[in-house]
Amino acid sequence: MESGRKIRFSNRQDYEKERGRVLTMKYGKQQMMLIRKRLRVEMWLLENLEPLCDLEKFDEAMIELDFLLDMEDEAQRRKWLQEQLQLHCSDKAKAEAFIEELLEKLKTL
């Protein structure tokens, strides 16, 4: 009596191909919280930078959060942001408000 079932033995190459297709990593709660917080700040940055500056002249990637966080203090961050936004943003008052809010958000990271 033949049941129609077949046993499939996969070779090593099929196994490696299947395994390499999906890569996931499990993070702890604290690490995931930090990742989400960072992502929220980055999304805020993109959403608020777009209406503020002429993005054809200004690449939003120029404001890199890691670069800002590596600076010595808030005064240095503020000065660098003012220099960058001065060149590409027409409304100085909105640029200053953006800088203030970004600096506050950086304190949470």
PDB file of N, CA and C in Angstrom:
ATOM      1  N   MET A   1       0.837  -1.173   0.000  1.00  0.00           N
ATOM      2  CA  MET A   1       0.000   0.000   0.000  1.00  0.00           C
ATOM      3  C   MET A   1       0.887   1.243   0.000  1.00  0.00           C
ATOM      4  N   GLU A   2       0.711   2.088  -0.981  1.00  0.00           N
ATOM      5  CA  GLU A   2       1.513   3.301  -1.134  1.00  0.00           C
ATOM      6  C   GLU A   2       0.678   4.499  -0.713  1.00  0.00           C
ATOM      7  N   SER A   3       1.204   5.288   0.183  1.00  0.00           N
ATOM      8  CA  SER A   3       0.429   6.393   0.748  1.00  0.00           C
ATOM      9  C   SER A   3       0.573   7.695  -0.032  1.00  0.00           C
ATOM     10  N   GLY A   4       1.536   7.799  -0.904  1.00  0.00           N
ATOM     11  CA  GLY A   4       1.743   9.022  -1.661  1.00  0.00           C
ATOM     12  C   GLY A   4       2.614  10.034  -0.950  1.00  0.00           C
ATOM     13  N   ARG A   5       3.038   9.720   0.225  1.00  0.00           N
ATOM     14  CA  ARG A   5       3.923  10.614   0.957  1.00  0.00           C
ATOM     15  C   ARG A   5       5.354  10.348   0.554  1.00  0.00           C
ATOM     16  N   LYS A   6       6.121  11.417   0.525  1.00  0.00           N
ATOM     17  CA  LYS A   6       7.528  11.283   0.174  1.00  0.00           C
ATOM     18  C   LYS A   6       8.365  11.952   1.239  1.00  0.00           C
ATOM     19  N   ILE A   7       9.487  11.393   1.469  1.00  0.00           N
ATOM     20  CA  ILE A   7      10.434  11.995   2.391  1.00  0.00           C
ATOM     21  C   ILE A   7      11.449  12.744   1.561  1.00  0.00           C
ATOM     22  N   ARG A   8      11.673  13.985   1.913  1.00  0.00           N
ATOM     23  CA  ARG A   8      12.615  14.809   1.159  1.00  0.00           C
ATOM     24  C   ARG A   8      13.828  15.071   2.035  1.00  0.00           C
ATOM     25  N   PHE A   9      14.963  14.680   1.556  1.00  0.00           N
ATOM     26  CA  PHE A   9      16.216  14.959   2.237  1.00  0.00           C
ATOM     27  C   PHE A   9      16.865  16.129   1.519  1.00  0.00           C
ATOM     28  N   SER A  10      17.069  17.207   2.232  1.00  0.00           N
ATOM     29  CA  SER A  10      17.708  18.358   1.590  1.00  0.00           C
ATOM     30  C   SER A  10      19.216  18.246   1.742  1.00  0.00           C
ATOM     31  N   ASN A  11      19.883  18.760   0.744  1.00  0.00           N
ATOM     32  CA  ASN A  11      21.342  18.733   0.825  1.00  0.00           C
ATOM     33  C   ASN A  11      21.835  19.973   1.568  1.00  0.00           C
ATOM     34  N   ARG A  12      23.085  20.017   1.831  1.00  0.00           N
ATOM     35  CA  ARG A  12      23.694  21.092   2.619  1.00  0.00           C
ATOM     36  C   ARG A  12      23.535  22.451   1.932  1.00  0.00           C
ATOM     37  N   GLN A  13      23.638  22.485   0.609  1.00  0.00           N
ATOM     38  CA  GLN A  13      23.521  23.751  -0.127  1.00  0.00           C
ATOM     39  C   GLN A  13      22.124  24.343   0.019  1.00  0.00           C
ATOM     40  N   ASP A  14      21.101  23.492  -0.079  1.00  0.00           N
ATOM     41  CA  ASP A  14      19.734  23.984   0.096  1.00  0.00           C
ATOM     42  C   ASP A  14      19.532  24.544   1.502  1.00  0.00           C
ATOM     43  N   TYR A  15      20.091  23.862   2.468  1.00  0.00           N
ATOM     44  CA  TYR A  15      19.982  24.301   3.858  1.00  0.00           C
ATOM     45  C   TYR A  15      20.647  25.659   4.049  1.00  0.00           C
ATOM     46  N   GLU A  16      21.854  25.827   3.525  1.00  0.00           N
ATOM     47  CA  GLU A  16      22.574  27.096   3.658  1.00  0.00           C
ATOM     48  C   GLU A  16      21.839  28.223   2.936  1.00  0.00           C
ATOM     49  N   LYS A  17      21.294  27.919   1.767  1.00  0.00           N
ATOM     50  CA  LYS A  17      20.562  28.925   0.997  1.00  0.00           C
ATOM     51  C   LYS A  17      19.319  29.378   1.772  1.00  0.00           C
ATOM     52  N   GLU A  18      18.585  28.441   2.308  1.00  0.00           N
ATOM     53  CA  GLU A  18      17.380  28.750   3.073  1.00  0.00           C
ATOM     54  C   GLU A  18      17.720  29.515   4.353  1.00  0.00           C
ATOM     55  N   ARG A  19      18.754  29.104   5.012  1.00  0.00           N
ATOM     56  CA  ARG A  19      19.153  29.732   6.267  1.00  0.00           C
ATOM     57  C   ARG A  19      19.653  31.158   6.040  1.00  0.00           C
ATOM     58  N   GLY A  20      20.351  31.398   4.954  1.00  0.00           N
ATOM     59  CA  GLY A  20      20.898  32.719   4.677  1.00  0.00           C
ATOM     60  C   GLY A  20      19.875  33.718   4.189  1.00  0.00           C
ATOM     61  N   ARG A  21      18.704  33.250   3.855  1.00  0.00           N
ATOM     62  CA  ARG A  21      17.688  34.115   3.285  1.00  0.00           C
ATOM     63  C   ARG A  21      17.079  35.062   4.317  1.00  0.00           C
ATOM     64  N   VAL A  22      16.909  34.612   5.514  1.00  0.00           N
ATOM     65  CA  VAL A  22      16.270  35.416   6.547  1.00  0.00           C
ATOM     66  C   VAL A  22      17.212  35.530   7.740  1.00  0.00           C
ATOM     67  N   LEU A  23      17.449  36.746   8.143  1.00  0.00           N
ATOM     68  CA  LEU A  23      18.294  36.974   9.302  1.00  0.00           C
ATOM     69  C   LEU A  23      17.509  37.812  10.298  1.00  0.00           C
ATOM     70  N   THR A  24      17.306  37.273  11.447  1.00  0.00           N
ATOM     71  CA  THR A  24      16.617  38.011  12.500  1.00  0.00           C
ATOM     72  C   THR A  24      17.472  37.967  13.749  1.00  0.00           C
ATOM     73  N   MET A  25      17.216  38.924  14.591  1.00  0.00           N
ATOM     74  CA  MET A  25      17.965  38.959  15.835  1.00  0.00           C
ATOM     75  C   MET A  25      17.015  39.357  16.947  1.00  0.00           C
ATOM     76  N   LYS A  26      17.166  38.733  18.046  1.00  0.00           N
ATOM     77  CA  LYS A  26      16.314  39.044  19.183  1.00  0.00           C
ATOM     78  C   LYS A  26      17.069  39.992  20.110  1.00  0.00           C
ATOM     79  N   TYR A  27      16.434  41.113  20.400  1.00  0.00           N
ATOM     80  CA  TYR A  27      17.024  42.101  21.294  1.00  0.00           C
ATOM     81  C   TYR A  27      16.294  42.064  22.629  1.00  0.00           C
ATOM     82  N   GLY A  28      16.973  42.484  23.651  1.00  0.00           N
ATOM     83  CA  GLY A  28      16.347  42.623  24.952  1.00  0.00           C
ATOM     84  C   GLY A  28      15.429  43.831  24.971  1.00  0.00           C
ATOM     85  N   LYS A  29      14.593  43.919  25.991  1.00  0.00           N
ATOM     86  CA  LYS A  29      13.636  45.032  26.085  1.00  0.00           C
ATOM     87  C   LYS A  29      14.335  46.382  26.108  1.00  0.00           C
ATOM     88  N   GLN A  30      15.405  46.480  26.877  1.00  0.00           N
ATOM     89  CA  GLN A  30      16.128  47.750  26.984  1.00  0.00           C
ATOM     90  C   GLN A  30      16.714  48.162  25.635  1.00  0.00           C
ATOM     91  N   GLN A  31      17.319  47.221  24.935  1.00  0.00           N
ATOM     92  CA  GLN A  31      17.916  47.513  23.630  1.00  0.00           C
ATOM     93  C   GLN A  31      16.844  47.918  22.617  1.00  0.00           C
ATOM     94  N   MET A  32      15.706  47.220  22.627  1.00  0.00           N
ATOM     95  CA  MET A  32      14.622  47.565  21.706  1.00  0.00           C
ATOM     96  C   MET A  32      14.064  48.949  22.017  1.00  0.00           C
ATOM     97  N   MET A  33      13.986  49.291  23.282  1.00  0.00           N
ATOM     98  CA  MET A  33      13.508  50.615  23.664  1.00  0.00           C
ATOM     99  C   MET A  33      14.442  51.697  23.111  1.00  0.00           C
ATOM    100  N   LEU A  34      15.747  51.469  23.219  1.00  0.00           N
ATOM    101  CA  LEU A  34      16.716  52.431  22.697  1.00  0.00           C
ATOM    102  C   LEU A  34      16.644  52.534  21.176  1.00  0.00           C
ATOM    103  N   ILE A  35      16.455  51.406  20.505  1.00  0.00           N
ATOM    104  CA  ILE A  35      16.343  51.404  19.042  1.00  0.00           C
ATOM    105  C   ILE A  35      15.106  52.180  18.615  1.00  0.00           C
ATOM    106  N   ARG A  36      13.985  51.944  19.280  1.00  0.00           N
ATOM    107  CA  ARG A  36      12.746  52.658  18.937  1.00  0.00           C
ATOM    108  C   ARG A  36      12.875  54.161  19.189  1.00  0.00           C
ATOM    109  N   LYS A  37      13.504  54.511  20.289  1.00  0.00           N
ATOM    110  CA  LYS A  37      13.701  55.923  20.620  1.00  0.00           C
ATOM    111  C   LYS A  37      14.541  56.598  19.541  1.00  0.00           C
ATOM    112  N   ARG A  38      15.614  55.944  19.145  1.00  0.00           N
ATOM    113  CA  ARG A  38      16.500  56.476  18.110  1.00  0.00           C
ATOM    114  C   ARG A  38      15.750  56.621  16.785  1.00  0.00           C
ATOM    115  N   LEU A  39      14.956  55.616  16.445  1.00  0.00           N
ATOM    116  CA  LEU A  39      14.187  55.653  15.205  1.00  0.00           C
ATOM    117  C   LEU A  39      13.175  56.792  15.216  1.00  0.00           C
ATOM    118  N   ARG A  40      12.533  57.022  16.358  1.00  0.00           N
ATOM    119  CA  ARG A  40      11.581  58.145  16.451  1.00  0.00           C
ATOM    120  C   ARG A  40      12.274  59.483  16.215  1.00  0.00           C
ATOM    121  N   VAL A  41      13.463  59.652  16.764  1.00  0.00           N
ATOM    122  CA  VAL A  41      14.204  60.905  16.571  1.00  0.00           C
ATOM    123  C   VAL A  41      14.614  61.048  15.105  1.00  0.00           C
ATOM    124  N   GLU A  42      15.065  59.975  14.487  1.00  0.00           N
ATOM    125  CA  GLU A  42      15.459  60.045  13.075  1.00  0.00           C
ATOM    126  C   GLU A  42      14.264  60.362  12.181  1.00  0.00           C
ATOM    127  N   MET A  43      13.110  59.754  12.462  1.00  0.00           N
ATOM    128  CA  MET A  43      11.914  60.038  11.668  1.00  0.00           C
ATOM    129  C   MET A  43      11.470  61.488  11.874  1.00  0.00           C
ATOM    130  N   TRP A  44      11.536  61.964  13.106  1.00  0.00           N
ATOM    131  CA  TRP A  44      11.195  63.360  13.381  1.00  0.00           C
ATOM    132  C   TRP A  44      12.123  64.286  12.596  1.00  0.00           C
ATOM    133  N   LEU A  45      13.390  63.963  12.586  1.00  0.00           N
ATOM    134  CA  LEU A  45      14.382  64.768  11.875  1.00  0.00           C
ATOM    135  C   LEU A  45      14.021  64.880  10.396  1.00  0.00           C
ATOM    136  N   LEU A  46      13.728  63.762   9.765  1.00  0.00           N
ATOM    137  CA  LEU A  46      13.388  63.781   8.342  1.00  0.00           C
ATOM    138  C   LEU A  46      12.091  64.534   8.078  1.00  0.00           C
ATOM    139  N   GLU A  47      11.082  64.290   8.900  1.00  0.00           N
ATOM    140  CA  GLU A  47       9.785  64.946   8.702  1.00  0.00           C
ATOM    141  C   GLU A  47       9.868  66.458   8.868  1.00  0.00           C
ATOM    142  N   ASN A  48      10.681  66.926   9.784  1.00  0.00           N
ATOM    143  CA  ASN A  48      10.754  68.358  10.063  1.00  0.00           C
ATOM    144  C   ASN A  48      11.792  69.083   9.226  1.00  0.00           C
ATOM    145  N   LEU A  49      12.745  68.370   8.723  1.00  0.00           N
ATOM    146  CA  LEU A  49      13.776  68.992   7.902  1.00  0.00           C
ATOM    147  C   LEU A  49      13.266  69.266   6.490  1.00  0.00           C
ATOM    148  N   GLU A  50      12.410  68.391   6.001  1.00  0.00           N
ATOM    149  CA  GLU A  50      11.904  68.526   4.635  1.00  0.00           C
ATOM    150  C   GLU A  50      11.179  69.850   4.388  1.00  0.00           C
ATOM    151  N   PRO A  51      10.208  70.251   5.220  1.00  0.00           N
ATOM    152  CA  PRO A  51       9.546  71.534   4.951  1.00  0.00           C
ATOM    153  C   PRO A  51      10.414  72.748   5.298  1.00  0.00           C
ATOM    154  N   LEU A  52      11.446  72.541   6.083  1.00  0.00           N
ATOM    155  CA  LEU A  52      12.284  73.641   6.549  1.00  0.00           C
ATOM    156  C   LEU A  52      13.320  74.073   5.513  1.00  0.00           C
ATOM    157  N   CYS A  53      13.888  73.108   4.809  1.00  0.00           N
ATOM    158  CA  CYS A  53      15.016  73.387   3.912  1.00  0.00           C
ATOM    159  C   CYS A  53      14.729  72.949   2.490  1.00  0.00           C
ATOM    160  N   ASP A  54      15.477  73.533   1.581  1.00  0.00           N
ATOM    161  CA  ASP A  54      15.427  73.118   0.187  1.00  0.00           C
ATOM    162  C   ASP A  54      16.261  71.846   0.061  1.00  0.00           C
ATOM    163  N   LEU A  55      15.574  70.707  -0.029  1.00  0.00           N
ATOM    164  CA  LEU A  55      16.284  69.433  -0.002  1.00  0.00           C
ATOM    165  C   LEU A  55      17.033  69.130  -1.295  1.00  0.00           C
ATOM    166  N   GLU A  56      16.768  69.897  -2.350  1.00  0.00           N
ATOM    167  CA  GLU A  56      17.563  69.709  -3.568  1.00  0.00           C
ATOM    168  C   GLU A  56      18.997  70.169  -3.328  1.00  0.00           C
ATOM    169  N   LYS A  57      19.148  71.204  -2.516  1.00  0.00           N
ATOM    170  CA  LYS A  57      20.481  71.712  -2.200  1.00  0.00           C
ATOM    171  C   LYS A  57      21.055  71.057  -0.946  1.00  0.00           C
ATOM    172  N   PHE A  58      20.175  70.544  -0.118  1.00  0.00           N
ATOM    173  CA  PHE A  58      20.586  70.045   1.194  1.00  0.00           C
ATOM    174  C   PHE A  58      20.220  68.577   1.324  1.00  0.00           C
ATOM    175  N   ASP A  59      21.202  67.766   1.506  1.00  0.00           N
ATOM    176  CA  ASP A  59      20.977  66.340   1.702  1.00  0.00           C
ATOM    177  C   ASP A  59      20.716  66.101   3.184  1.00  0.00           C
ATOM    178  N   GLU A  60      19.529  65.546   3.507  1.00  0.00           N
ATOM    179  CA  GLU A  60      19.203  65.345   4.919  1.00  0.00           C
ATOM    180  C   GLU A  60      20.177  64.409   5.622  1.00  0.00           C
ATOM    181  N   ALA A  61      20.918  63.636   4.851  1.00  0.00           N
ATOM    182  CA  ALA A  61      21.919  62.750   5.448  1.00  0.00           C
ATOM    183  C   ALA A  61      23.094  63.547   6.019  1.00  0.00           C
ATOM    184  N   MET A  62      23.173  64.844   5.688  1.00  0.00           N
ATOM    185  CA  MET A  62      24.253  65.675   6.224  1.00  0.00           C
ATOM    186  C   MET A  62      24.134  65.821   7.739  1.00  0.00           C
ATOM    187  N   ILE A  63      22.918  65.726   8.254  1.00  0.00           N
ATOM    188  CA  ILE A  63      22.733  65.790   9.700  1.00  0.00           C
ATOM    189  C   ILE A  63      22.660  64.351  10.196  1.00  0.00           C
ATOM    190  N   GLU A  64      23.768  63.858  10.638  1.00  0.00           N
ATOM    191  CA  GLU A  64      23.888  62.485  11.120  1.00  0.00           C
ATOM    192  C   GLU A  64      23.853  62.508  12.643  1.00  0.00           C
ATOM    193  N   LEU A  65      22.934  61.761  13.222  1.00  0.00           N
ATOM    194  CA  LEU A  65      22.779  61.777  14.676  1.00  0.00           C
ATOM    195  C   LEU A  65      24.045  61.327  15.395  1.00  0.00           C
ATOM    196  N   ASP A  66      24.702  60.310  14.886  1.00  0.00           N
ATOM    197  CA  ASP A  66      25.933  59.838  15.539  1.00  0.00           C
ATOM    198  C   ASP A  66      26.997  60.930  15.556  1.00  0.00           C
ATOM    199  N   PHE A  67      27.095  61.665  14.454  1.00  0.00           N
ATOM    200  CA  PHE A  67      28.062  62.756  14.368  1.00  0.00           C
ATOM    201  C   PHE A  67      27.761  63.808  15.436  1.00  0.00           C
ATOM    202  N   LEU A  68      26.487  64.159  15.574  1.00  0.00           N
ATOM    203  CA  LEU A  68      26.092  65.155  16.577  1.00  0.00           C
ATOM    204  C   LEU A  68      26.334  64.646  17.996  1.00  0.00           C
ATOM    205  N   LEU A  69      26.007  63.395  18.235  1.00  0.00           N
ATOM    206  CA  LEU A  69      26.185  62.832  19.575  1.00  0.00           C
ATOM    207  C   LEU A  69      27.651  62.715  19.960  1.00  0.00           C
ATOM    208  N   ASP A  70      28.520  62.590  18.970  1.00  0.00           N
ATOM    209  CA  ASP A  70      29.955  62.483  19.245  1.00  0.00           C
ATOM    210  C   ASP A  70      30.600  63.826  19.578  1.00  0.00           C
ATOM    211  N   MET A  71      29.885  64.914  19.323  1.00  0.00           N
ATOM    212  CA  MET A  71      30.440  66.230  19.632  1.00  0.00           C
ATOM    213  C   MET A  71      30.542  66.419  21.142  1.00  0.00           C
ATOM    214  N   GLU A  72      31.457  67.291  21.541  1.00  0.00           N
ATOM    215  CA  GLU A  72      31.766  67.500  22.961  1.00  0.00           C
ATOM    216  C   GLU A  72      30.577  67.966  23.799  1.00  0.00           C
ATOM    217  N   ASP A  73      29.882  68.999  23.314  1.00  0.00           N
ATOM    218  CA  ASP A  73      28.809  69.558  24.132  1.00  0.00           C
ATOM    219  C   ASP A  73      27.713  70.150  23.250  1.00  0.00           C
ATOM    220  N   GLU A  74      26.673  70.637  23.903  1.00  0.00           N
ATOM    221  CA  GLU A  74      25.527  71.185  23.195  1.00  0.00           C
ATOM    222  C   GLU A  74      25.880  72.448  22.414  1.00  0.00           C
ATOM    223  N   ALA A  75      26.766  73.261  22.940  1.00  0.00           N
ATOM    224  CA  ALA A  75      27.169  74.491  22.247  1.00  0.00           C
ATOM    225  C   ALA A  75      27.820  74.166  20.904  1.00  0.00           C
ATOM    226  N   GLN A  76      28.643  73.150  20.885  1.00  0.00           N
ATOM    227  CA  GLN A  76      29.286  72.739  19.635  1.00  0.00           C
ATOM    228  C   GLN A  76      28.251  72.195  18.646  1.00  0.00           C
ATOM    229  N   ARG A  77      27.293  71.425  19.140  1.00  0.00           N
ATOM    230  CA  ARG A  77      26.225  70.900  18.274  1.00  0.00           C
ATOM    231  C   ARG A  77      25.404  72.044  17.691  1.00  0.00           C
ATOM    232  N   ARG A  78      25.039  73.000  18.560  1.00  0.00           N
ATOM    233  CA  ARG A  78      24.235  74.137  18.124  1.00  0.00           C
ATOM    234  C   ARG A  78      24.957  74.928  17.032  1.00  0.00           C
ATOM    235  N   LYS A  79      26.226  75.215  17.249  1.00  0.00           N
ATOM    236  CA  LYS A  79      27.008  75.984  16.276  1.00  0.00           C
ATOM    237  C   LYS A  79      27.069  75.258  14.934  1.00  0.00           C
ATOM    238  N   TRP A  80      27.329  73.956  14.970  1.00  0.00           N
ATOM    239  CA  TRP A  80      27.426  73.188  13.727  1.00  0.00           C
ATOM    240  C   TRP A  80      26.083  73.162  12.998  1.00  0.00           C
ATOM    241  N   LEU A  81      24.997  72.944  13.740  1.00  0.00           N
ATOM    242  CA  LEU A  81      23.666  72.928  13.125  1.00  0.00           C
ATOM    243  C   LEU A  81      23.316  74.290  12.527  1.00  0.00           C
ATOM    244  N   GLN A  82      23.635  75.363  13.238  1.00  0.00           N
ATOM    245  CA  GLN A  82      23.360  76.701  12.716  1.00  0.00           C
ATOM    246  C   GLN A  82      24.114  76.945  11.417  1.00  0.00           C
ATOM    247  N   GLU A  83      25.360  76.533  11.357  1.00  0.00           N
ATOM    248  CA  GLU A  83      26.152  76.707  10.135  1.00  0.00           C
ATOM    249  C   GLU A  83      25.549  75.929   8.970  1.00  0.00           C
ATOM    250  N   GLN A  84      25.122  74.702   9.227  1.00  0.00           N
ATOM    251  CA  GLN A  84      24.555  73.875   8.164  1.00  0.00           C
ATOM    252  C   GLN A  84      23.214  74.416   7.680  1.00  0.00           C
ATOM    253  N   LEU A  85      22.352  74.763   8.620  1.00  0.00           N
ATOM    254  CA  LEU A  85      21.010  75.211   8.247  1.00  0.00           C
ATOM    255  C   LEU A  85      21.008  76.623   7.679  1.00  0.00           C
ATOM    256  N   GLN A  86      21.961  77.446   8.066  1.00  0.00           N
ATOM    257  CA  GLN A  86      22.058  78.810   7.552  1.00  0.00           C
ATOM    258  C   GLN A  86      22.218  78.795   6.032  1.00  0.00           C
ATOM    259  N   LEU A  87      22.945  77.833   5.537  1.00  0.00           N
ATOM    260  CA  LEU A  87      23.207  77.750   4.103  1.00  0.00           C
ATOM    261  C   LEU A  87      22.007  77.271   3.301  1.00  0.00           C
ATOM    262  N   HIS A  88      21.121  76.503   3.933  1.00  0.00           N
ATOM    263  CA  HIS A  88      20.086  75.817   3.168  1.00  0.00           C
ATOM    264  C   HIS A  88      18.658  76.151   3.567  1.00  0.00           C
ATOM    265  N   CYS A  89      18.462  76.922   4.616  1.00  0.00           N
ATOM    266  CA  CYS A  89      17.116  77.233   5.089  1.00  0.00           C
ATOM    267  C   CYS A  89      16.881  78.734   5.025  1.00  0.00           C
ATOM    268  N   SER A  90      15.747  79.105   4.480  1.00  0.00           N
ATOM    269  CA  SER A  90      15.469  80.528   4.299  1.00  0.00           C
ATOM    270  C   SER A  90      14.887  81.174   5.560  1.00  0.00           C
ATOM    271  N   ASP A  91      14.101  80.453   6.333  1.00  0.00           N
ATOM    272  CA  ASP A  91      13.457  81.005   7.526  1.00  0.00           C
ATOM    273  C   ASP A  91      14.329  80.739   8.756  1.00  0.00           C
ATOM    274  N   LYS A  92      15.022  81.771   9.206  1.00  0.00           N
ATOM    275  CA  LYS A  92      15.964  81.625  10.327  1.00  0.00           C
ATOM    276  C   LYS A  92      15.256  81.304  11.648  1.00  0.00           C
ATOM    277  N   ALA A  93      14.078  81.884  11.862  1.00  0.00           N
ATOM    278  CA  ALA A  93      13.342  81.632  13.110  1.00  0.00           C
ATOM    279  C   ALA A  93      12.917  80.166  13.198  1.00  0.00           C
ATOM    280  N   LYS A  94      12.427  79.623  12.091  1.00  0.00           N
ATOM    281  CA  LYS A  94      12.035  78.213  12.076  1.00  0.00           C
ATOM    282  C   LYS A  94      13.252  77.309  12.224  1.00  0.00           C
ATOM    283  N   ALA A  95      14.361  77.719  11.646  1.00  0.00           N
ATOM    284  CA  ALA A  95      15.594  76.933  11.768  1.00  0.00           C
ATOM    285  C   ALA A  95      16.049  76.890  13.224  1.00  0.00           C
ATOM    286  N   GLU A  96      15.962  78.015  13.923  1.00  0.00           N
ATOM    287  CA  GLU A  96      16.352  78.055  15.337  1.00  0.00           C
ATOM    288  C   GLU A  96      15.428  77.185  16.187  1.00  0.00           C
ATOM    289  N   ALA A  97      14.131  77.234  15.893  1.00  0.00           N
ATOM    290  CA  ALA A  97      13.178  76.396  16.631  1.00  0.00           C
ATOM    291  C   ALA A  97      13.464  74.914  16.376  1.00  0.00           C
ATOM    292  N   PHE A  98      13.801  74.592  15.135  1.00  0.00           N
ATOM    293  CA  PHE A  98      14.161  73.217  14.774  1.00  0.00           C
ATOM    294  C   PHE A  98      15.400  72.768  15.545  1.00  0.00           C
ATOM    295  N   ILE A  99      16.400  73.625  15.609  1.00  0.00           N
ATOM    296  CA  ILE A  99      17.645  73.297  16.318  1.00  0.00           C
ATOM    297  C   ILE A  99      17.365  73.054  17.793  1.00  0.00           C
ATOM    298  N   GLU A 100      16.562  73.930  18.402  1.00  0.00           N
ATOM    299  CA  GLU A 100      16.237  73.775  19.827  1.00  0.00           C
ATOM    300  C   GLU A 100      15.552  72.439  20.091  1.00  0.00           C
ATOM    301  N   GLU A 101      14.586  72.113  19.255  1.00  0.00           N
ATOM    302  CA  GLU A 101      13.852  70.862  19.460  1.00  0.00           C
ATOM    303  C   GLU A 101      14.744  69.649  19.208  1.00  0.00           C
ATOM    304  N   LEU A 102      15.588  69.725  18.195  1.00  0.00           N
ATOM    305  CA  LEU A 102      16.506  68.618  17.918  1.00  0.00           C
ATOM    306  C   LEU A 102      17.484  68.415  19.072  1.00  0.00           C
ATOM    307  N   LEU A 103      18.002  69.495  19.612  1.00  0.00           N
ATOM    308  CA  LEU A 103      18.931  69.380  20.739  1.00  0.00           C
ATOM    309  C   LEU A 103      18.250  68.759  21.961  1.00  0.00           C
ATOM    310  N   GLU A 104      16.988  69.093  22.172  1.00  0.00           N
ATOM    311  CA  GLU A 104      16.241  68.473  23.277  1.00  0.00           C
ATOM    312  C   GLU A 104      16.062  66.978  23.034  1.00  0.00           C
ATOM    313  N   LYS A 105      15.775  66.615  21.798  1.00  0.00           N
ATOM    314  CA  LYS A 105      15.595  65.198  21.475  1.00  0.00           C
ATOM    315  C   LYS A 105      16.909  64.431  21.590  1.00  0.00           C
ATOM    316  N   LEU A 106      18.010  65.079  21.267  1.00  0.00           N
ATOM    317  CA  LEU A 106      19.314  64.418  21.383  1.00  0.00           C
ATOM    318  C   LEU A 106      19.648  64.094  22.837  1.00  0.00           C
ATOM    319  N   LYS A 107      19.139  64.887  23.759  1.00  0.00           N
ATOM    320  CA  LYS A 107      19.390  64.624  25.182  1.00  0.00           C
ATOM    321  C   LYS A 107      18.767  63.309  25.637  1.00  0.00           C
ATOM    322  N   THR A 108      17.743  62.856  24.921  1.00  0.00           N
ATOM    323  CA  THR A 108      17.075  61.610  25.310  1.00  0.00           C
ATOM    324  C   THR A 108      17.808  60.372  24.808  1.00  0.00           C
ATOM    325  N   LEU A 109      18.754  60.565  23.909  1.00  0.00           N
ATOM    326  CA  LEU A 109      19.459  59.402  23.346  1.00  0.00           C
ATOM    327  C   LEU A 109      20.697  59.050  24.135  1.00  0.00           C
TER     328      LEU A 109
END
